[in-house]
Amino acid sequence: MRRVVYDPLKCTACKTCELQCSVAHSRSKDLLAAIFESPPPLPRLSVAWTPAVNVPVKCAHCETAPCLLGCPVGAIRRDRGCDAVLIDEERCIGCFSCVLLCPYGAVRLSFDRKRAYKCDGCADRISSEGLEPACASSCPTGALAWREVEEVARERTALTAVRDAAALARGGELAAGEGSPLGTILKMREEMARG
């Protein structure tokens, strides 16, 4: 299964993903023409800045989506074909239960503030045009990428193993008077257990 995955350490907050998402969801699908559309097309993700990293925040299309479960009129559904949680903006009554229930803050208010909207996973681009989602295909640093989830998990497992092995090796290289990182962690756990 492919998903848009992100690496916040690569994100420069250039907001290219937001711009391309807006264009992909515009009526014209053209940057210059989209600027003059009314209402203007809105991005379905946003780059949040923190002191340490920039984080592209978008819908995770949760398996048990709180927004879907909380919608009183059934305006939110899961499309099993593309495995995305979608909002039918025509059925939305603007109660914004989904906005309140989303743990990621990925559901937003429409331009006229009467409907909810969110990332649709670029379902149309993927199924009919065979393209990647707009945010992933446009990211210049690779912070957002269209990847197999299992592949990403294997890479992260390998990185964890390398990091742990390096910490253990460093612990063995420290002088006798200094404690190893592993020793420090174990000592902290022991002290915490004692209260």
Protein backbone atom coordinates (compact mmCIF):
# COMPACT_ATOMS: atom_id res chain seq x y z
CA MET A 1 0.00 0.00 0.00
CA ARG A 2 1.37 3.39 -0.99
CA ARG A 3 0.99 6.48 1.14
CA VAL A 4 2.42 9.96 1.26
CA VAL A 5 5.12 9.77 3.91
CA TYR A 6 7.11 12.70 5.23
CA ASP A 7 10.52 13.34 6.68
CA PRO A 8 10.33 16.53 8.75
CA LEU A 9 14.14 16.78 8.81
CA LYS A 10 14.07 17.44 5.06
CA CYS A 11 11.27 20.01 5.11
CA THR A 12 12.42 23.59 4.47
CA ALA A 13 8.89 25.06 4.77
CA CYS A 14 9.02 26.24 1.15
CA LYS A 15 5.27 25.49 0.94
CA THR A 16 5.55 24.15 -2.60
CA CYS A 17 3.31 21.27 -1.46
CA GLU A 18 0.59 23.72 -0.39
CA LEU A 19 0.78 25.60 -3.68
CA GLN A 20 0.66 22.48 -5.85
CA CYS A 21 -2.16 21.02 -3.74
CA SER A 22 -4.17 24.21 -4.34
CA VAL A 23 -3.52 24.05 -8.08
CA ALA A 24 -4.42 20.35 -8.24
CA HIS A 25 -7.75 21.10 -6.54
CA SER A 26 -8.51 24.21 -8.60
CA ARG A 27 -11.05 24.20 -11.41
CA SER A 28 -8.45 25.15 -14.04
CA LYS A 29 -5.54 22.94 -12.83
CA ASP A 30 -3.27 25.79 -13.94
CA LEU A 31 -1.26 27.98 -11.55
CA LEU A 32 -1.86 31.32 -13.28
CA ALA A 33 -5.54 30.68 -13.89
CA ALA A 34 -6.06 29.36 -10.33
CA ILE A 35 -4.88 32.68 -8.90
CA PHE A 36 -7.95 34.38 -10.39
CA GLU A 37 -10.53 31.74 -9.42
CA SER A 38 -13.27 32.72 -7.01
CA PRO A 39 -13.35 31.32 -4.44
CA PRO A 40 -9.63 30.62 -4.55
CA PRO A 41 -8.59 26.97 -4.32
CA LEU A 42 -7.37 26.03 -0.87
CA PRO A 43 -4.52 23.65 0.00
CA ARG A 44 -5.56 20.45 1.74
CA LEU A 45 -2.41 20.29 3.82
CA SER A 46 -0.36 22.88 5.65
CA VAL A 47 3.23 23.16 6.76
CA ALA A 48 3.39 23.77 10.49
CA TRP A 49 6.50 25.37 11.89
CA THR A 50 7.98 24.39 15.25
CA PRO A 51 11.26 25.59 16.76
CA ALA A 52 12.95 22.28 15.89
CA VAL A 53 11.40 21.11 12.60
CA ASN A 54 8.80 21.91 9.95
CA VAL A 55 5.99 19.40 9.71
CA PRO A 56 3.71 19.00 6.68
CA VAL A 57 0.34 18.30 8.31
CA LYS A 58 -2.14 16.38 6.18
CA CYS A 59 -4.85 13.80 6.62
CA ALA A 60 -3.56 10.38 7.66
CA HIS A 61 -6.67 8.64 6.22
CA CYS A 62 -6.96 6.72 9.50
CA GLU A 63 -8.27 3.16 9.39
CA THR A 64 -10.74 4.04 12.16
CA ALA A 65 -11.18 7.67 11.20
CA PRO A 66 -12.66 9.78 14.02
CA CYS A 67 -13.98 12.31 11.49
CA LEU A 68 -15.88 9.58 9.63
CA LEU A 69 -17.29 8.09 12.84
CA GLY A 70 -18.37 11.50 14.14
CA CYS A 71 -20.10 12.86 11.03
CA PRO A 72 -23.83 12.99 11.86
CA VAL A 73 -25.00 13.11 8.23
CA GLY A 74 -22.67 10.57 6.62
CA ALA A 75 -20.87 13.17 4.52
CA ILE A 76 -17.55 11.41 5.19
CA ARG A 77 -16.83 7.99 3.72
CA ARG A 78 -13.91 5.68 3.03
CA ASP A 79 -13.19 4.93 -0.60
CA ARG A 80 -11.75 1.41 -0.52
CA GLY A 81 -10.48 1.74 -4.07
CA CYS A 82 -7.91 4.37 -3.13
CA ASP A 83 -8.09 3.73 0.64
CA ALA A 84 -8.80 7.39 1.34
CA VAL A 85 -11.24 9.06 3.72
CA LEU A 86 -13.25 11.55 1.65
CA ILE A 87 -15.68 14.36 2.44
CA ASP A 88 -18.72 14.87 0.22
CA GLU A 89 -18.80 18.65 0.45
CA GLU A 90 -22.34 18.74 -0.98
CA ARG A 91 -23.68 16.62 1.91
CA CYS A 92 -21.68 18.48 4.59
CA ILE A 93 -23.95 20.59 6.82
CA GLY A 94 -21.14 22.60 8.40
CA CYS A 95 -21.43 21.24 11.94
CA PHE A 96 -17.63 20.79 12.00
CA SER A 97 -17.69 17.73 14.25
CA CYS A 98 -14.96 16.37 12.00
CA VAL A 99 -12.79 19.43 12.64
CA LEU A 100 -13.08 18.89 16.38
CA LEU A 101 -12.49 15.13 16.20
CA CYS A 102 -9.47 15.03 13.88
CA PRO A 103 -6.38 14.30 16.03
CA TYR A 104 -4.09 15.86 13.39
CA GLY A 105 -5.93 19.10 12.73
CA ALA A 106 -6.15 18.05 9.10
CA VAL A 107 -9.83 18.91 8.54
CA ARG A 108 -10.37 22.59 7.83
CA LEU A 109 -13.12 25.10 7.10
CA SER A 110 -13.90 26.02 3.51
CA PHE A 111 -13.31 29.50 2.15
CA ASP A 112 -16.91 30.53 2.91
CA ARG A 113 -16.62 28.80 6.32
CA LYS A 114 -19.76 26.75 5.64
CA ARG A 115 -18.24 23.36 4.76
CA ALA A 116 -15.40 21.13 5.87
CA TYR A 117 -12.66 20.01 3.51
CA LYS A 118 -9.47 17.98 3.83
CA CYS A 119 -6.89 16.00 1.89
CA ASP A 120 -8.53 13.56 -0.49
CA GLY A 121 -5.28 11.75 -1.18
CA CYS A 122 -5.44 13.06 -4.75
CA ALA A 123 -7.66 10.06 -5.52
CA ASP A 124 -8.52 11.42 -8.99
CA ARG A 125 -4.87 12.05 -9.91
CA ILE A 126 -3.88 8.55 -8.81
CA SER A 127 -6.76 6.52 -10.27
CA SER A 128 -7.59 8.31 -13.51
CA GLU A 129 -4.32 10.00 -14.43
CA GLY A 130 -1.81 7.58 -12.89
CA LEU A 131 0.01 10.45 -11.17
CA GLU A 132 1.41 10.78 -7.67
CA PRO A 133 -0.35 13.06 -5.17
CA ALA A 134 0.42 16.71 -5.92
CA CYS A 135 2.19 17.37 -2.62
CA ALA A 136 4.61 14.44 -3.01
CA SER A 137 5.34 14.96 -6.69
CA SER A 138 6.19 18.63 -6.17
CA CYS A 139 8.32 18.47 -3.01
CA PRO A 140 11.81 19.69 -4.03
CA THR A 141 13.61 18.20 -1.02
CA GLY A 142 11.84 14.84 -0.85
CA ALA A 143 10.32 15.65 2.55
CA LEU A 144 7.04 14.32 1.13
CA ALA A 145 7.23 11.15 -0.91
CA TRP A 146 4.79 8.62 -2.42
CA ARG A 147 6.13 5.35 -1.02
CA GLU A 148 5.23 1.83 0.01
CA VAL A 149 4.53 1.79 3.75
CA GLU A 150 6.34 -1.53 4.24
CA GLU A 151 9.46 -0.17 2.54
CA VAL A 152 9.51 2.86 4.84
CA ALA A 153 9.06 0.62 7.91
CA ARG A 154 12.02 -1.56 6.84
CA GLU A 155 14.21 1.52 6.34
CA ARG A 156 13.30 2.91 9.75
CA THR A 157 13.97 -0.44 11.40
CA ALA A 158 17.42 -0.53 9.79
CA LEU A 159 18.13 3.06 10.92
CA THR A 160 17.12 2.20 14.48
CA ALA A 161 19.44 -0.80 14.47
CA VAL A 162 22.36 1.31 13.18
CA ARG A 163 21.69 4.03 15.76
CA ASP A 164 21.47 1.52 18.64
CA ALA A 165 24.61 -0.29 17.51
CA ALA A 166 26.49 3.03 17.33
CA ALA A 167 25.34 3.97 20.84
CA LEU A 168 26.43 0.60 22.21
CA ALA A 169 29.80 0.85 20.44
CA ARG A 170 30.31 4.35 21.80
CA GLY A 171 29.47 3.09 25.28
CA GLY A 172 32.28 0.54 25.04
CA GLU A 173 34.74 3.20 23.87
CA LEU A 174 34.18 5.59 26.75
CA ALA A 175 36.83 5.91 29.40
CA ALA A 176 36.35 3.82 32.53
CA GLY A 177 35.34 6.88 34.57
CA GLU A 178 32.53 7.85 32.22
CA GLY A 179 29.21 6.03 31.95
CA SER A 180 27.84 4.76 28.66
CA PRO A 181 24.53 6.08 27.29
CA LEU A 182 23.02 2.65 27.85
CA GLY A 183 24.37 2.58 31.41
CA THR A 184 22.91 6.02 32.08
CA ILE A 185 19.49 4.94 30.82
CA LEU A 186 19.56 1.77 32.91
CA LYS A 187 20.61 3.77 35.99
CA MET A 188 17.74 6.24 35.42
CA ARG A 189 15.24 3.40 35.11
CA GLU A 190 16.56 1.85 38.30
CA GLU A 191 16.21 5.16 40.17
CA MET A 192 12.70 5.66 38.82
CA ALA A 193 11.69 2.18 39.96
CA ARG A 194 12.82 3.02 43.50
CA GLY A 195 10.70 6.15 43.50
